[in-house]
Amino acid sequence: MTLSKMLADAVQRAALRAVEQRAAAWIMASVTAVNGDGTVDISTARGPVLSVRRLRSYSSPVVGDVIKVSRNADGNWVVDGAYA
């Protein structure tokens, strides 16, 4: 592999990571801790996320709940609710 090909591949990987990080998304996660301040700690496929705010409609979180979580382009997270 040539140096220019390696550089092009590295630039492409960096651009893809940047786009993924700035994109809004929703994902499934599980609750790992319920905090007293209206937040929960969650486990996602990408790793743990601490102190995620939950919507009022998700009023009784329980450790182990499978939940839908949204993340906006700025990196803010919110728990939309639990799956049945």
Protein backbone atom coordinates (compact mmCIF):
# COMPACT_ATOMS: atom_id res chain seq x y z
CA MET A 1 0.00 0.00 0.00
CA THR A 2 1.36 3.39 -0.94
CA LEU A 3 1.77 6.28 1.44
CA SER A 4 -0.80 8.35 -0.47
CA LYS A 5 -3.35 5.49 -0.26
CA MET A 6 -2.75 5.15 3.49
CA LEU A 7 -3.22 8.89 3.93
CA ALA A 8 -6.41 8.90 1.85
CA ASP A 9 -7.81 6.01 3.91
CA ALA A 10 -6.96 7.78 7.19
CA VAL A 11 -8.66 10.98 6.02
CA GLN A 12 -11.75 9.03 4.97
CA ARG A 13 -11.96 7.27 8.37
CA ALA A 14 -11.57 10.59 10.22
CA ALA A 15 -14.29 12.23 8.11
CA LEU A 16 -16.67 9.32 8.72
CA ARG A 17 -16.11 9.51 12.50
CA ALA A 18 -16.74 13.26 12.46
CA VAL A 19 -20.02 12.85 10.58
CA GLU A 20 -21.18 10.04 12.89
CA GLN A 21 -20.42 12.12 15.98
CA ARG A 22 -22.36 15.14 14.68
CA ALA A 23 -25.40 13.21 13.46
CA ALA A 24 -28.59 13.01 15.47
CA ALA A 25 -29.66 9.46 16.24
CA TRP A 26 -31.82 7.25 18.37
CA ILE A 27 -30.58 4.01 19.86
CA MET A 28 -31.64 1.26 22.23
CA ALA A 29 -29.92 1.08 25.60
CA SER A 30 -30.39 -0.42 29.02
CA VAL A 31 -30.65 1.34 32.37
CA THR A 32 -27.71 0.60 34.66
CA ALA A 33 -28.54 3.03 37.50
CA VAL A 34 -31.41 5.30 38.52
CA ASN A 35 -30.25 8.60 39.98
CA GLY A 36 -32.24 10.80 42.36
CA ASP A 37 -31.93 13.90 40.16
CA GLY A 38 -34.18 12.72 37.32
CA THR A 39 -31.42 11.06 35.34
CA VAL A 40 -30.38 7.49 34.61
CA ASP A 41 -27.07 5.92 33.73
CA ILE A 42 -27.27 3.77 30.62
CA SER A 43 -25.31 1.17 28.71
CA THR A 44 -25.23 1.48 24.91
CA ALA A 45 -23.51 -0.50 22.18
CA ARG A 46 -20.86 2.25 22.16
CA GLY A 47 -20.35 2.15 25.92
CA PRO A 48 -21.77 3.67 29.10
CA VAL A 49 -23.36 7.13 29.29
CA LEU A 50 -23.83 8.76 32.69
CA SER A 51 -26.64 11.04 33.91
CA VAL A 52 -28.99 11.01 30.93
CA ARG A 53 -32.10 13.14 31.50
CA ARG A 54 -35.41 11.31 31.10
CA LEU A 55 -38.73 12.63 29.86
CA ARG A 56 -41.57 12.95 32.37
CA SER A 57 -43.50 10.22 30.57
CA TYR A 58 -40.81 7.75 31.68
CA SER A 59 -41.57 8.25 35.36
CA SER A 60 -40.62 4.89 36.89
CA PRO A 61 -37.26 3.76 35.55
CA VAL A 62 -35.88 0.45 36.77
CA VAL A 63 -32.37 -0.96 36.40
CA GLY A 64 -32.46 -3.37 33.48
CA ASP A 65 -35.15 -1.52 31.50
CA VAL A 66 -34.58 -1.54 27.75
CA ILE A 67 -35.09 2.04 26.59
CA LYS A 68 -35.10 4.27 23.54
CA VAL A 69 -32.55 7.08 23.78
CA SER A 70 -32.14 10.07 21.46
CA ARG A 71 -28.92 12.00 20.89
CA ASN A 72 -28.81 15.31 19.05
CA ALA A 73 -26.01 16.68 16.90
CA ASP A 74 -24.52 18.56 19.87
CA GLY A 75 -24.09 15.32 21.80
CA ASN A 76 -26.96 15.81 24.25
CA TRP A 77 -28.89 12.71 25.29
CA VAL A 78 -32.48 12.13 26.44
CA VAL A 79 -34.37 8.97 27.38
CA ASP A 80 -37.61 8.87 25.39
CA GLY A 81 -39.12 5.91 27.23
CA ALA A 82 -39.01 2.20 27.95
CA TYR A 83 -39.97 -0.64 25.65
CA ALA A 84 -42.68 -2.98 26.87
